[in-house]
């Protein structure tokens, strides 16, 4: 049976920034529109904190092409979209498939998808930078993993033991009451954190899960028992969802569930406009100076975690329920240290001398051990905001160059989500291990509080 997707699906529009600036800056559409203004400055080499060498752009694209060709040559259509699912498969073990097979056949696909969304949402929330010293030994295989894969395996094994469920008869779920029982101590135990195995931002992670417990107590979105997976029922019954040969969900509808439904989990110290917390959005001095500009006009939104959630949660809904997401191309590349680090390690971006010196001072203030020293900054530092903004812009540019390099076009061209998965994120990690073989860390450090991803 051929799946036919209507081409004339009307997507909800972003709020008018002149009338509703806070609502606009929280929309997915604002991310690409606002970061594009910083990219324009980058192309003119007029950034405040980075020198831009556009002659290196083709080298960066060629490196990404080489990574994709090495791993997928001749089979580019098999590249999965970027998402949490692949992190669970570290070491070549199909852990998600094994989890699905462990459930009796009486559990229908909708409930299976609910359970995976329960797991994926908590796992993504735990996926802030863990630092270079933390690792996790799997209780099932005895193998040791670190970084995102370590956090994925750890969260899966906690999920399987019922660490996030309030129902002893159904450990394989996440619910508000179960999360309310999570403490910093119980999370440390589950993640094997100790003095000899320290994790950056443990307290921030625990705080996120505690606040998630409160956010899930919204029956309209998450059902009476406050399960993340119940968002499926909300999405399927939403007026903007169409029932064609497959269910068609508008991406902005999923975005609303995650952005508005989970807004209370973010630290209160984040940027506000008119008393409304914006989440992952920050002032940036590289935004164009506009005469009589209003306060919101220097803010750049990223919403990295919400986008990472979108990318990750779409996968189980697509695989198990055959959902099609209209407007998925509104999503951007992720402004995190692997994608951004790739641009620095390939020479496209170079931190300016004064900023590098300031960042090195910070490194020595917060790190006792001087191993592979890199300039380090707070998340809201203008250096980090500018770096993240140009990362989003250059990822769009790289997508076109990478598809050209691979000889792909039209329906066979890679999506942005595929390039992130097989190229820039993986390439950023690999070049980091060459440039900094001891830690494999990024070329610029961000002081993690467990809530910036």
Foldseek 3Di string as FASTA:
>chain_A
DDDDDDPPQDFDDQDDCVVPVLSNLLFLLQQLVQLVLLLVCQVVQNADWKGFDVVLLLVLLVLLLVLLCVVQNPNLVPQAFAALCVLQCPPNNNVLVVVVVVDDPVQALLNSLLLVLQLRLLLLLQQDFFDLQAWAQQPVPRDIGDHSSRSSSLSVVCQVCLQQHPDPVCSSFHFLVSLCPDDLVNVCVSSVDDPNHGTFQSRLSNLLSNQLSVLLCPCLQQNNRSTNSSNVVNQQPPPSWDPDVAIEGELSVLSCCLSVSSVRSADPPADDDPNHHNHQKAFAPSRDDDVVDDPSSRIRHQVQSSLNSSSHSVVSCCVRRVYHYPPNLSHFDHLDQLLLLSCVLSPRIDTDDVQFVQQQVVQVVPDVDPALGAREDECRDNVSVSSSSNSRVSLVVSQVSNQVVSVHDDPRRDRSSSSCRRGRNVSSQVSLCVVRVPRSDGRYHYRDNSRDD
